[in-house]
Amino acid sequence: MAIKLDDEQYKFFKDRLDAVSLVMEGILQQHPVAKINPDVKDNISEAVDKLWITKELINKKIQDNDKS
């Protein structure tokens, strides 16, 4: 049995994804540790990319809910 969530739950989750992504991009990727360690910066970039993909999935779910 699937749990049904309302759009507000998805919108709140998407907002939190945005907040985490901004911190990762604005603080972690710009930190001197990341700047001098390409592997660290690459991992952060990969994580930010995954969060973006997740945000797109949430956007699609919200749009699908709006249609039904």
N, C-alpha and C. Protein backbone atom coordinates (compact mmCIF):
# COMPACT_ATOMS: atom_id res chain seq x y z
N MET A 1 0.84 -1.17 0.00
CA MET A 1 0.00 0.00 0.00
C MET A 1 0.89 1.24 0.00
N ALA A 2 0.68 2.10 -0.97
CA ALA A 2 1.50 3.31 -1.10
C ALA A 2 0.95 4.44 -0.23
N ILE A 3 1.86 5.22 0.27
CA ILE A 3 1.48 6.38 1.07
C ILE A 3 1.31 7.56 0.13
N LYS A 4 0.21 8.28 0.25
CA LYS A 4 -0.06 9.45 -0.59
C LYS A 4 0.31 10.70 0.18
N LEU A 5 1.14 11.53 -0.43
CA LEU A 5 1.53 12.80 0.18
C LEU A 5 0.93 13.95 -0.62
N ASP A 6 0.62 15.03 0.06
CA ASP A 6 0.08 16.18 -0.66
C ASP A 6 1.22 17.02 -1.25
N ASP A 7 0.85 17.94 -2.13
CA ASP A 7 1.85 18.76 -2.81
C ASP A 7 2.70 19.58 -1.86
N GLU A 8 2.14 20.00 -0.74
CA GLU A 8 2.90 20.80 0.21
C GLU A 8 4.10 20.01 0.75
N GLN A 9 3.92 18.72 0.95
CA GLN A 9 5.03 17.88 1.41
C GLN A 9 6.16 17.87 0.37
N TYR A 10 5.78 17.71 -0.90
CA TYR A 10 6.77 17.69 -1.98
C TYR A 10 7.44 19.06 -2.14
N LYS A 11 6.66 20.12 -2.04
CA LYS A 11 7.22 21.47 -2.18
C LYS A 11 8.19 21.79 -1.05
N PHE A 12 7.85 21.37 0.16
CA PHE A 12 8.75 21.57 1.29
C PHE A 12 10.05 20.79 1.08
N PHE A 13 9.93 19.56 0.62
CA PHE A 13 11.11 18.73 0.35
C PHE A 13 11.98 19.37 -0.71
N LYS A 14 11.36 19.88 -1.77
CA LYS A 14 12.09 20.55 -2.84
C LYS A 14 12.81 21.79 -2.31
N ASP A 15 12.17 22.52 -1.44
CA ASP A 15 12.78 23.69 -0.83
C ASP A 15 14.03 23.29 -0.03
N ARG A 16 13.94 22.20 0.71
CA ARG A 16 15.09 21.72 1.48
C ARG A 16 16.22 21.28 0.54
N LEU A 17 15.87 20.65 -0.58
CA LEU A 17 16.88 20.27 -1.57
C LEU A 17 17.61 21.51 -2.08
N ASP A 18 16.86 22.56 -2.36
CA ASP A 18 17.46 23.82 -2.82
C ASP A 18 18.43 24.36 -1.77
N ALA A 19 18.02 24.34 -0.52
CA ALA A 19 18.87 24.88 0.55
C ALA A 19 20.17 24.09 0.67
N VAL A 20 20.05 22.78 0.66
CA VAL A 20 21.25 21.93 0.77
C VAL A 20 22.16 22.14 -0.44
N SER A 21 21.58 22.22 -1.62
CA SER A 21 22.37 22.44 -2.85
C SER A 21 23.12 23.76 -2.79
N LEU A 22 22.46 24.80 -2.33
CA LEU A 22 23.11 26.10 -2.23
C LEU A 22 24.29 26.08 -1.27
N VAL A 23 24.12 25.41 -0.15
CA VAL A 23 25.22 25.30 0.82
C VAL A 23 26.37 24.53 0.20
N MET A 24 26.06 23.44 -0.46
CA MET A 24 27.12 22.62 -1.06
C MET A 24 27.86 23.39 -2.15
N GLU A 25 27.11 24.08 -3.00
CA GLU A 25 27.75 24.83 -4.07
C GLU A 25 28.47 26.07 -3.56
N GLY A 26 27.82 26.81 -2.70
CA GLY A 26 28.35 28.10 -2.28
C GLY A 26 29.41 28.03 -1.21
N ILE A 27 29.37 27.01 -0.39
CA ILE A 27 30.32 26.93 0.72
C ILE A 27 31.32 25.80 0.52
N LEU A 28 30.82 24.60 0.32
CA LEU A 28 31.74 23.46 0.23
C LEU A 28 32.61 23.49 -1.02
N GLN A 29 32.01 23.75 -2.18
CA GLN A 29 32.80 23.76 -3.41
C GLN A 29 33.80 24.91 -3.44
N GLN A 30 33.49 25.98 -2.76
CA GLN A 30 34.37 27.15 -2.75
C GLN A 30 35.40 27.12 -1.61
N HIS A 31 35.29 26.15 -0.75
CA HIS A 31 36.21 26.05 0.39
C HIS A 31 37.62 25.72 -0.14
N PRO A 32 38.65 26.28 0.51
CA PRO A 32 40.03 25.99 0.07
C PRO A 32 40.37 24.50 0.00
N VAL A 33 39.81 23.71 0.91
CA VAL A 33 40.07 22.26 0.87
C VAL A 33 39.61 21.67 -0.47
N ALA A 34 38.41 22.07 -0.89
CA ALA A 34 37.89 21.56 -2.16
C ALA A 34 38.68 22.12 -3.34
N LYS A 35 39.09 23.36 -3.24
CA LYS A 35 39.82 23.99 -4.34
C LYS A 35 41.17 23.34 -4.61
N ILE A 36 41.85 22.86 -3.56
CA ILE A 36 43.17 22.27 -3.79
C ILE A 36 43.14 20.75 -3.89
N ASN A 37 41.95 20.17 -3.69
CA ASN A 37 41.78 18.71 -3.81
C ASN A 37 40.70 18.42 -4.84
N PRO A 38 41.10 18.23 -6.09
CA PRO A 38 40.11 18.00 -7.15
C PRO A 38 39.15 16.84 -6.88
N ASP A 39 39.64 15.78 -6.23
CA ASP A 39 38.76 14.64 -5.94
C ASP A 39 37.64 15.04 -4.99
N VAL A 40 37.96 15.88 -4.02
CA VAL A 40 36.95 16.36 -3.08
C VAL A 40 35.92 17.21 -3.83
N LYS A 41 36.41 18.15 -4.62
CA LYS A 41 35.50 19.03 -5.37
C LYS A 41 34.64 18.23 -6.35
N ASP A 42 35.24 17.24 -7.01
CA ASP A 42 34.49 16.40 -7.95
C ASP A 42 33.37 15.64 -7.25
N ASN A 43 33.65 15.12 -6.05
CA ASN A 43 32.61 14.40 -5.30
C ASN A 43 31.48 15.33 -4.88
N ILE A 44 31.83 16.54 -4.48
CA ILE A 44 30.80 17.51 -4.12
C ILE A 44 29.96 17.86 -5.35
N SER A 45 30.63 18.07 -6.48
CA SER A 45 29.91 18.37 -7.72
C SER A 45 28.96 17.24 -8.11
N GLU A 46 29.43 16.02 -7.97
CA GLU A 46 28.59 14.86 -8.27
C GLU A 46 27.36 14.81 -7.35
N ALA A 47 27.57 15.10 -6.09
CA ALA A 47 26.46 15.11 -5.13
C ALA A 47 25.45 16.20 -5.49
N VAL A 48 25.94 17.38 -5.86
CA VAL A 48 25.05 18.48 -6.26
C VAL A 48 24.26 18.08 -7.51
N ASP A 49 24.92 17.43 -8.45
CA ASP A 49 24.23 16.95 -9.65
C ASP A 49 23.12 15.97 -9.29
N LYS A 50 23.39 15.07 -8.36
CA LYS A 50 22.37 14.10 -7.93
C LYS A 50 21.19 14.80 -7.25
N LEU A 51 21.48 15.84 -6.47
CA LEU A 51 20.40 16.60 -5.85
C LEU A 51 19.55 17.29 -6.90
N TRP A 52 20.19 17.80 -7.95
CA TRP A 52 19.45 18.45 -9.04
C TRP A 52 18.53 17.44 -9.72
N ILE A 53 19.03 16.25 -9.98
CA ILE A 53 18.20 15.19 -10.59
C ILE A 53 17.02 14.87 -9.68
N THR A 54 17.28 14.78 -8.39
CA THR A 54 16.21 14.51 -7.42
C THR A 54 15.17 15.63 -7.44
N LYS A 55 15.63 16.87 -7.52
CA LYS A 55 14.71 18.01 -7.59
C LYS A 55 13.83 17.91 -8.84
N GLU A 56 14.39 17.50 -9.96
CA GLU A 56 13.61 17.34 -11.18
C GLU A 56 12.56 16.24 -11.02
N LEU A 57 12.92 15.15 -10.34
CA LEU A 57 11.95 14.08 -10.08
C LEU A 57 10.80 14.59 -9.21
N ILE A 58 11.12 15.40 -8.22
CA ILE A 58 10.08 15.98 -7.35
C ILE A 58 9.20 16.94 -8.15
N ASN A 59 9.82 17.76 -9.00
CA ASN A 59 9.03 18.66 -9.86
C ASN A 59 8.04 17.88 -10.72
N LYS A 60 8.51 16.77 -11.29
CA LYS A 60 7.62 15.95 -12.11
C LYS A 60 6.48 15.38 -11.28
N LYS A 61 6.79 14.94 -10.08
CA LYS A 61 5.74 14.40 -9.20
C LYS A 61 4.69 15.46 -8.88
N ILE A 62 5.15 16.68 -8.61
CA ILE A 62 4.21 17.77 -8.33
C ILE A 62 3.35 18.05 -9.55
N GLN A 63 3.95 18.09 -10.73
CA GLN A 63 3.19 18.32 -11.96
C GLN A 63 2.18 17.21 -12.21
N ASP A 64 2.60 15.98 -11.99
CA ASP A 64 1.69 14.84 -12.16
C ASP A 64 0.52 14.92 -11.19
N ASN A 65 0.79 15.33 -9.95
CA ASN A 65 -0.27 15.47 -8.96
C ASN A 65 -1.25 16.58 -9.36
N ASP A 66 -0.72 17.66 -9.96
CA ASP A 66 -1.57 18.76 -10.40
C ASP A 66 -2.52 18.33 -11.52
N LYS A 67 -2.08 17.37 -12.34
CA LYS A 67 -2.90 16.89 -13.46
C LYS A 67 -4.01 15.96 -13.01
N SER A 68 -3.80 15.31 -11.86
CA SER A 68 -4.81 14.33 -11.42
C SER A 68 -5.76 14.92 -10.41
